[in-house]
C-alpha atoms as a PDB file:
ATOM      1  CA  MET A   1     -14.933  -9.586  -5.485  1.00  0.00           C
ATOM      2  CA  GLN A   2     -12.573  -6.893  -6.755  1.00  0.00           C
ATOM      3  CA  GLU A   3      -9.072  -7.460  -8.131  1.00  0.00           C
ATOM      4  CA  VAL A   4      -7.041  -4.780  -6.362  1.00  0.00           C
ATOM      5  CA  ALA A   5      -3.519  -5.913  -7.295  1.00  0.00           C
ATOM      6  CA  PRO A   6      -2.211  -8.597  -9.660  1.00  0.00           C
ATOM      7  CA  GLY A   7      -3.667 -11.877  -8.414  1.00  0.00           C
ATOM      8  CA  THR A   8      -5.092 -10.256  -5.270  1.00  0.00           C
ATOM      9  CA  TYR A   9      -8.819  -9.902  -4.632  1.00  0.00           C
ATOM     10  CA  ARG A  10     -10.674  -7.786  -2.096  1.00  0.00           C
ATOM     11  CA  LEU A  11     -13.628  -9.362  -0.270  1.00  0.00           C
ATOM     12  CA  GLY A  12     -15.793  -8.280   2.648  1.00  0.00           C
ATOM     13  CA  SER A  13     -18.074  -5.242   2.728  1.00  0.00           C
ATOM     14  CA  LYS A  14     -18.014  -1.455   2.598  1.00  0.00           C
ATOM     15  CA  GLN A  15     -17.023  -1.522   6.264  1.00  0.00           C
ATOM     16  CA  HIS A  16     -14.207  -4.073   6.312  1.00  0.00           C
ATOM     17  CA  ASN A  17     -11.927  -6.069   4.026  1.00  0.00           C
ATOM     18  CA  PHE A  18     -10.266  -9.431   3.761  1.00  0.00           C
ATOM     19  CA  TYR A  19      -8.192 -10.602   0.814  1.00  0.00           C
ATOM     20  CA  LEU A  20      -7.487 -13.583  -1.412  1.00  0.00           C
ATOM     21  CA  VAL A  21      -4.069 -14.019  -3.067  1.00  0.00           C
ATOM     22  CA  ALA A  22      -4.106 -16.549  -5.921  1.00  0.00           C
ATOM     23  CA  GLU A  23      -0.951 -18.053  -7.378  1.00  0.00           C
ATOM     24  CA  GLY A  24      -0.439 -21.230  -9.371  1.00  0.00           C
ATOM     25  CA  GLY A  25      -3.856 -22.664  -8.594  1.00  0.00           C
ATOM     26  CA  LYS A  26      -3.389 -22.196  -4.841  1.00  0.00           C
ATOM     27  CA  ALA A  27      -4.372 -19.376  -2.521  1.00  0.00           C
ATOM     28  CA  THR A  28      -3.465 -17.475   0.612  1.00  0.00           C
ATOM     29  CA  VAL A  29      -6.233 -15.652   2.474  1.00  0.00           C
ATOM     30  CA  ILE A  30      -5.352 -12.520   4.424  1.00  0.00           C
ATOM     31  CA  ASP A  31      -7.700 -12.228   7.412  1.00  0.00           C
ATOM     32  CA  ALA A  32     -10.954 -14.097   7.852  1.00  0.00           C
ATOM     33  CA  GLY A  33     -13.608 -11.391   7.821  1.00  0.00           C
ATOM     34  CA  CYS A  34     -16.654 -11.959  10.003  1.00  0.00           C
ATOM     35  CA  SER A  35     -18.098 -15.317  11.001  1.00  0.00           C
ATOM     36  CA  LYS A  36     -20.863 -15.404   8.364  1.00  0.00           C
ATOM     37  CA  GLU A  37     -18.587 -14.484   5.442  1.00  0.00           C
ATOM     38  CA  ILE A  38     -17.008 -17.801   4.573  1.00  0.00           C
ATOM     39  CA  GLY A  39     -19.546 -18.028   1.749  1.00  0.00           C
ATOM     40  CA  LYS A  40     -17.946 -14.938   0.190  1.00  0.00           C
ATOM     41  CA  LEU A  41     -14.632 -16.752   0.198  1.00  0.00           C
ATOM     42  CA  ASP A  42     -16.179 -19.845  -1.382  1.00  0.00           C
ATOM     43  CA  ALA A  43     -17.833 -17.738  -4.102  1.00  0.00           C
ATOM     44  CA  ALA A  44     -14.573 -15.949  -4.893  1.00  0.00           C
ATOM     45  CA  LEU A  45     -12.694 -19.235  -5.095  1.00  0.00           C
ATOM     46  CA  ALA A  46     -15.340 -20.692  -7.406  1.00  0.00           C
ATOM     47  CA  ALA A  47     -15.057 -17.658  -9.687  1.00  0.00           C
ATOM     48  CA  LEU A  48     -11.336 -18.436  -9.962  1.00  0.00           C
ATOM     49  CA  ASN A  49     -12.006 -22.143 -10.609  1.00  0.00           C
ATOM     50  CA  MET A  50     -10.712 -23.001  -7.168  1.00  0.00           C
ATOM     51  CA  ALA A  51     -12.136 -24.507  -3.973  1.00  0.00           C
ATOM     52  CA  ARG A  52     -11.520 -24.148  -0.264  1.00  0.00           C
ATOM     53  CA  SER A  53      -9.132 -27.107  -0.462  1.00  0.00           C
ATOM     54  CA  ASP A  54      -6.876 -24.888  -2.610  1.00  0.00           C
ATOM     55  CA  VAL A  55      -6.396 -22.408   0.260  1.00  0.00           C
ATOM     56  CA  GLU A  56      -3.037 -23.231   1.801  1.00  0.00           C
ATOM     57  CA  VAL A  57      -3.351 -20.880   4.748  1.00  0.00           C
ATOM     58  CA  ILE A  58      -5.293 -18.039   6.329  1.00  0.00           C
ATOM     59  CA  LEU A  59      -2.959 -15.368   7.698  1.00  0.00           C
ATOM     60  CA  LEU A  60      -4.344 -13.140  10.440  1.00  0.00           C
ATOM     61  CA  THR A  61      -3.164  -9.573  10.820  1.00  0.00           C
ATOM     62  CA  HIS A  62      -4.711  -9.751  14.299  1.00  0.00           C
ATOM     63  CA  ALA A  63      -7.432 -11.497  16.277  1.00  0.00           C
ATOM     64  CA  HIS A  64     -10.286  -8.974  16.397  1.00  0.00           C
ATOM     65  CA  ALA A  65     -13.726 -10.362  15.587  1.00  0.00           C
ATOM     66  CA  ASP A  66     -13.959  -8.732  12.141  1.00  0.00           C
ATOM     67  CA  HIS A  67     -10.621 -10.266  11.096  1.00  0.00           C
ATOM     68  CA  ILE A  68     -10.760 -13.743  12.622  1.00  0.00           C
ATOM     69  CA  GLY A  69     -14.457 -14.416  11.919  1.00  0.00           C
ATOM     70  CA  PHE A  70     -14.534 -17.647   9.906  1.00  0.00           C
ATOM     71  CA  ALA A  71     -11.022 -18.810  10.809  1.00  0.00           C
ATOM     72  CA  ALA A  72     -12.224 -21.410  13.301  1.00  0.00           C
ATOM     73  CA  GLU A  73     -14.669 -22.909  10.789  1.00  0.00           C
ATOM     74  CA  ALA A  74     -11.953 -23.032   8.141  1.00  0.00           C
ATOM     75  CA  ALA A  75      -9.500 -24.602  10.588  1.00  0.00           C
ATOM     76  CA  ASP A  76     -12.067 -27.259  11.496  1.00  0.00           C
ATOM     77  CA  GLY A  77     -12.231 -28.048   7.780  1.00  0.00           C
ATOM     78  CA  GLY A  78      -8.478 -28.552   7.562  1.00  0.00           C
ATOM     79  CA  THR A  79      -7.218 -25.115   6.481  1.00  0.00           C
ATOM     80  CA  ALA A  80      -4.115 -23.890   8.304  1.00  0.00           C
ATOM     81  CA  VAL A  81      -4.569 -20.619  10.218  1.00  0.00           C
ATOM     82  CA  LYS A  82      -1.554 -18.590  11.327  1.00  0.00           C
ATOM     83  CA  ALA A  83      -1.002 -15.515  13.487  1.00  0.00           C
ATOM     84  CA  HIS A  84       1.955 -13.741  15.016  1.00  0.00           C
ATOM     85  CA  VAL A  85       3.397 -15.515  18.035  1.00  0.00           C
ATOM     86  CA  ASP A  86       2.279 -12.614  20.288  1.00  0.00           C
ATOM     87  CA  GLU A  87      -1.271 -12.728  18.905  1.00  0.00           C
ATOM     88  CA  ALA A  88      -1.782 -16.494  18.999  1.00  0.00           C
ATOM     89  CA  PRO A  89      -2.763 -16.666  22.711  1.00  0.00           C
ATOM     90  CA  ILE A  90      -5.531 -14.141  22.018  1.00  0.00           C
ATOM     91  CA  ALA A  91      -6.668 -16.036  18.925  1.00  0.00           C
ATOM     92  CA  ARG A  92      -6.791 -19.269  20.913  1.00  0.00           C
ATOM     93  CA  GLY A  93      -8.750 -17.619  23.728  1.00  0.00           C
ATOM     94  CA  GLU A  94      -5.935 -18.180  26.223  1.00  0.00           C
ATOM     95  CA  ALA A  95      -5.422 -14.431  26.766  1.00  0.00           C
ATOM     96  CA  ARG A  96      -7.893 -11.580  26.843  1.00  0.00           C
ATOM     97  CA  GLY A  97      -7.608  -9.136  23.980  1.00  0.00           C
ATOM     98  CA  HIS A  98      -8.577  -5.488  23.836  1.00  0.00           C
ATOM     99  CA  ALA A  99     -12.237  -5.099  22.891  1.00  0.00           C
ATOM    100  CA  VAL A 100     -14.333  -1.985  22.320  1.00  0.00           C
ATOM    101  CA  GLN A 101     -17.729  -2.039  23.997  1.00  0.00           C
ATOM    102  CA  VAL A 102     -20.759  -0.631  22.191  1.00  0.00           C
ATOM    103  CA  GLY A 103     -21.213   1.868  25.002  1.00  0.00           C
ATOM    104  CA  ASP A 104     -17.737   3.263  24.286  1.00  0.00           C
ATOM    105  CA  LEU A 105     -18.782   4.346  20.791  1.00  0.00           C
ATOM    106  CA  PRO A 106     -20.198   7.775  19.880  1.00  0.00           C
ATOM    107  CA  LEU A 107     -23.684   6.411  19.263  1.00  0.00           C
ATOM    108  CA  TRP A 108     -25.105   9.867  18.481  1.00  0.00           C
ATOM    109  CA  ARG A 109     -23.290   9.740  15.127  1.00  0.00           C
ATOM    110  CA  PRO A 110     -25.383   8.025  12.390  1.00  0.00           C
ATOM    111  CA  PRO A 111     -22.365   6.389  10.647  1.00  0.00           C
ATOM    112  CA  VAL A 112     -21.626   4.450  13.819  1.00  0.00           C
ATOM    113  CA  TRP A 113     -24.944   2.645  13.490  1.00  0.00           C
ATOM    114  CA  GLY A 114     -24.143   1.763   9.877  1.00  0.00           C
ATOM    115  CA  PHE A 115     -20.823   0.324  11.003  1.00  0.00           C
ATOM    116  CA  LEU A 116     -22.427  -1.701  13.794  1.00  0.00           C
ATOM    117  CA  PHE A 117     -25.266  -2.972  11.607  1.00  0.00           C
ATOM    118  CA  ALA A 118     -22.875  -4.135   8.888  1.00  0.00           C
ATOM    119  CA  LEU A 119     -20.727  -6.053  11.360  1.00  0.00           C
ATOM    120  CA  LEU A 120     -23.696  -7.616  13.137  1.00  0.00           C
ATOM    121  CA  LYS A 121     -25.191  -8.677   9.809  1.00  0.00           C
ATOM    122  CA  ALA A 122     -21.878 -10.306   8.900  1.00  0.00           C
ATOM    123  CA  GLY A 123     -21.842 -12.250  12.148  1.00  0.00           C
ATOM    124  CA  VAL A 124     -19.726 -10.261  14.602  1.00  0.00           C
ATOM    125  CA  ARG A 125     -20.529 -11.058  18.205  1.00  0.00           C
ATOM    126  CA  THR A 126     -17.329 -12.030  19.995  1.00  0.00           C
ATOM    127  CA  ALA A 127     -14.086 -13.169  18.406  1.00  0.00           C
ATOM    128  CA  PRO A 128     -14.140 -16.935  17.746  1.00  0.00           C
ATOM    129  CA  ARG A 129     -11.388 -19.037  19.264  1.00  0.00           C
ATOM    130  CA  VAL A 130      -9.067 -20.915  16.920  1.00  0.00           C
ATOM    131  CA  LYS A 131      -7.571 -23.703  19.002  1.00  0.00           C
ATOM    132  CA  SER A 132      -5.322 -25.118  16.268  1.00  0.00           C
ATOM    133  CA  ILE A 133      -3.681 -21.851  15.273  1.00  0.00           C
ATOM    134  CA  GLU A 134      -0.068 -21.893  14.073  1.00  0.00           C
ATOM    135  CA  THR A 135       2.421 -19.049  14.512  1.00  0.00           C
ATOM    136  CA  PHE A 136       4.911 -16.928  12.595  1.00  0.00           C
ATOM    137  CA  ASP A 137       7.359 -14.299  13.774  1.00  0.00           C
ATOM    138  CA  ASP A 138       8.702 -10.963  12.613  1.00  0.00           C
ATOM    139  CA  GLY A 139      10.801 -11.094   9.460  1.00  0.00           C
ATOM    140  CA  GLU A 140       9.729 -14.544   8.295  1.00  0.00           C
ATOM    141  CA  ARG A 141       9.150 -15.044   4.583  1.00  0.00           C
ATOM    142  CA  LEU A 142       6.405 -17.624   4.311  1.00  0.00           C
ATOM    143  CA  ASP A 143       6.536 -20.365   1.669  1.00  0.00           C
ATOM    144  CA  ILE A 144       2.916 -19.994   0.589  1.00  0.00           C
ATOM    145  CA  PRO A 145       1.179 -18.342  -2.381  1.00  0.00           C
ATOM    146  CA  GLY A 146       2.433 -14.763  -2.640  1.00  0.00           C
ATOM    147  CA  HIS A 147       5.500 -15.523  -0.475  1.00  0.00           C
ATOM    148  CA  PRO A 148       4.637 -12.759   2.024  1.00  0.00           C
ATOM    149  CA  ARG A 149       7.159 -11.330   4.466  1.00  0.00           C
ATOM    150  CA  VAL A 150       5.879 -10.837   8.002  1.00  0.00           C
ATOM    151  CA  ILE A 151       6.375  -7.433   9.629  1.00  0.00           C
ATOM    152  CA  HIS A 152       5.389  -7.133  13.288  1.00  0.00           C
ATOM    153  CA  THR A 153       3.563  -3.833  13.874  1.00  0.00           C
ATOM    154  CA  PRO A 154       2.285  -3.919  17.469  1.00  0.00           C
ATOM    155  CA  GLY A 155       0.053  -1.324  19.017  1.00  0.00           C
ATOM    156  CA  HIS A 156      -3.366  -1.959  17.562  1.00  0.00           C
ATOM    157  CA  THR A 157      -2.957  -5.335  19.265  1.00  0.00           C
ATOM    158  CA  PRO A 158       0.186  -6.896  20.770  1.00  0.00           C
ATOM    159  CA  GLY A 159       0.745  -9.216  17.832  1.00  0.00           C
ATOM    160  CA  HIS A 160      -0.595  -7.114  14.976  1.00  0.00           C
ATOM    161  CA  ALA A 161       1.336  -7.875  11.782  1.00  0.00           C
ATOM    162  CA  VAL A 162       1.353  -6.700   8.192  1.00  0.00           C
ATOM    163  CA  PHE A 163       2.303  -8.775   5.155  1.00  0.00           C
ATOM    164  CA  TYR A 164       4.481  -7.607   2.275  1.00  0.00           C
ATOM    165  CA  LEU A 165       4.491  -9.257  -1.156  1.00  0.00           C
ATOM    166  CA  GLU A 166       7.683  -8.228  -2.893  1.00  0.00           C
ATOM    167  CA  GLY A 167       6.723  -9.337  -6.421  1.00  0.00           C
ATOM    168  CA  PRO A 168       3.564  -7.256  -6.880  1.00  0.00           C
ATOM    169  CA  LYS A 169       4.825  -4.664  -4.345  1.00  0.00           C
ATOM    170  CA  THR A 170       1.768  -5.082  -2.164  1.00  0.00           C
ATOM    171  CA  VAL A 171       1.373  -4.602   1.583  1.00  0.00           C
ATOM    172  CA  PHE A 172      -1.629  -5.698   3.641  1.00  0.00           C
ATOM    173  CA  THR A 173      -1.828  -3.292   6.571  1.00  0.00           C
ATOM    174  CA  GLY A 174      -4.678  -4.754   8.632  1.00  0.00           C
ATOM    175  CA  ASP A 175      -5.817  -2.154  11.159  1.00  0.00           C
ATOM    176  CA  GLY A 176      -2.407  -0.530  11.544  1.00  0.00           C
ATOM    177  CA  LEU A 177      -3.126   1.812   8.635  1.00  0.00           C
ATOM    178  CA  VAL A 178      -6.619   2.215   7.189  1.00  0.00           C
ATOM    179  CA  THR A 179      -8.222   4.501   4.614  1.00  0.00           C
ATOM    180  CA  MET A 180     -11.590   5.224   6.205  1.00  0.00           C
ATOM    181  CA  ASN A 181     -12.820   6.306   9.601  1.00  0.00           C
ATOM    182  CA  VAL A 182     -15.159   3.471  10.580  1.00  0.00           C
ATOM    183  CA  LEU A 183     -17.074   5.880  12.849  1.00  0.00           C
ATOM    184  CA  GLY A 184     -17.669   8.338  10.022  1.00  0.00           C
ATOM    185  CA  GLY A 185     -15.671  11.271   8.738  1.00  0.00           C
ATOM    186  CA  ARG A 186     -12.641  11.587   6.514  1.00  0.00           C
ATOM    187  CA  LYS A 187     -11.348   9.032   4.079  1.00  0.00           C
ATOM    188  CA  GLY A 188      -7.760   8.485   3.048  1.00  0.00           C
ATOM    189  CA  PRO A 189      -4.763   7.159   4.989  1.00  0.00           C
ATOM    190  CA  GLN A 190      -5.267   7.337   8.751  1.00  0.00           C
ATOM    191  CA  MET A 191      -5.182   5.401  11.977  1.00  0.00           C
ATOM    192  CA  LEU A 192      -8.316   4.046  13.552  1.00  0.00           C
ATOM    193  CA  PRO A 193      -9.727   6.176  16.393  1.00  0.00           C
ATOM    194  CA  PRO A 194      -7.762   5.794  19.654  1.00  0.00           C
ATOM    195  CA  LEU A 195     -10.358   3.637  21.437  1.00  0.00           C
ATOM    196  CA  PHE A 196      -9.701   0.788  18.989  1.00  0.00           C
ATOM    197  CA  HIS A 197      -6.007   0.416  19.866  1.00  0.00           C
ATOM    198  CA  THR A 198      -4.405  -1.459  22.729  1.00  0.00           C
ATOM    199  CA  ASP A 199      -1.591   1.130  22.668  1.00  0.00           C
ATOM    200  CA  GLU A 200      -2.145   4.046  20.296  1.00  0.00           C
ATOM    201  CA  ASP A 201       1.355   5.492  20.727  1.00  0.00           C
ATOM    202  CA  LEU A 202       2.960   2.147  19.927  1.00  0.00           C
ATOM    203  CA  ALA A 203       0.660   1.712  16.932  1.00  0.00           C
ATOM    204  CA  ARG A 204       1.791   5.076  15.592  1.00  0.00           C
ATOM    205  CA  ARG A 205       5.462   4.224  16.138  1.00  0.00           C
ATOM    206  CA  SER A 206       4.956   0.947  14.302  1.00  0.00           C
ATOM    207  CA  LEU A 207       4.079   2.856  11.129  1.00  0.00           C
ATOM    208  CA  VAL A 208       7.812   3.402  10.590  1.00  0.00           C
ATOM    209  CA  HIS A 209       8.056  -0.219   9.474  1.00  0.00           C
ATOM    210  CA  LEU A 210       5.903   0.602   6.444  1.00  0.00           C
ATOM    211  CA  GLU A 211       8.001   3.524   5.281  1.00  0.00           C
ATOM    212  CA  SER A 212      10.861   1.458   3.864  1.00  0.00           C
ATOM    213  CA  LEU A 213       8.630  -0.770   1.742  1.00  0.00           C
ATOM    214  CA  ASP A 214       8.581  -0.320  -2.036  1.00  0.00           C
ATOM    215  CA  THR A 215       4.870  -0.551  -2.784  1.00  0.00           C
ATOM    216  CA  LYS A 216       2.390  -0.031  -5.557  1.00  0.00           C
ATOM    217  CA  TYR A 217      -0.600  -1.236  -3.536  1.00  0.00           C
ATOM    218  CA  VAL A 218      -1.466  -0.611   0.108  1.00  0.00           C
ATOM    219  CA  LEU A 219      -4.408  -2.778   1.136  1.00  0.00           C
ATOM    220  CA  PRO A 220      -6.006  -1.912   4.506  1.00  0.00           C
ATOM    221  CA  GLY A 221      -8.426  -3.751   6.730  1.00  0.00           C
ATOM    222  CA  HIS A 222     -10.919  -0.897   6.409  1.00  0.00           C
ATOM    223  CA  GLY A 223     -11.353   1.387   3.418  1.00  0.00           C
ATOM    224  CA  SER A 224     -10.330   1.477  -0.214  1.00  0.00           C
ATOM    225  CA  PRO A 225      -6.930   0.424  -1.553  1.00  0.00           C
ATOM    226  CA  TRP A 226      -4.206   3.075  -1.682  1.00  0.00           C
ATOM    227  CA  ARG A 227      -2.141   3.190  -4.869  1.00  0.00           C
ATOM    228  CA  GLY A 228       1.479   4.197  -4.429  1.00  0.00           C
ATOM    229  CA  GLN A 229       4.229   4.169  -1.860  1.00  0.00           C
ATOM    230  CA  ALA A 230       3.393   3.175   1.703  1.00  0.00           C
ATOM    231  CA  ALA A 231       5.685   5.967   2.922  1.00  0.00           C
ATOM    232  CA  ASP A 232       3.435   8.531   1.214  1.00  0.00           C
ATOM    233  CA  ALA A 233       0.403   6.959   2.868  1.00  0.00           C
ATOM    234  CA  VAL A 234       2.088   7.181   6.275  1.00  0.00           C
ATOM    235  CA  ARG A 235       2.982  10.833   5.685  1.00  0.00           C
ATOM    236  CA  ALA A 236      -0.656  11.543   4.817  1.00  0.00           C
ATOM    237  CA  ILE A 237      -1.891  10.301   8.210  1.00  0.00           C
ATOM    238  CA  PRO A 238      -3.099  13.172  10.420  1.00  0.00           C
ATOM    239  CA  THR A 239      -0.988  13.745  13.519  1.00  0.00           C
END
């Protein structure tokens, strides 16, 4: 567990991130990692003298397997899980989402095997279905710890969303903007390789929604935190 912004903790692995926002003895979880990682959440909560019952909600940036992993288990235990209204049918298993097949990956590159091994070890097979998922929409400010504002950023998936915390000036960018190439290569602000996006052009256009945010901390779904303005991170993305 790493505190990456005031009251915000980074969990997961070297390959992927999910986050815990603690406020007033309650918590919001941003994304749900992989299916075997709920123990990491429990350990982080215990370190903060909290328990899973103190988690008010799990917010999903999107419904890919490495972001929705333990959401179904948490929902079965009574924790609310929310996703954008356009992503909810995918999270429930009512609609088919975009999925990369192993054979689509450049398997001749050694870092790809490290990425695959880490995800398999953490429990990624197929994305679990969360039948009881609740929804939010673009522009909503949620009355939960951190009081995040929802910003719809489609392209990676139809209902991909980022969450902005005005107080600590923090944005959680999911897979819309990351700081490492999961298939190996450069680090720093970038988009995931094209094969990971439902609509790469739309995903790139959605980056404009980050440029107006006043940020100190940009927290991606993959890679290290970025310190500074989100607009600078967007400008640093290769074209």
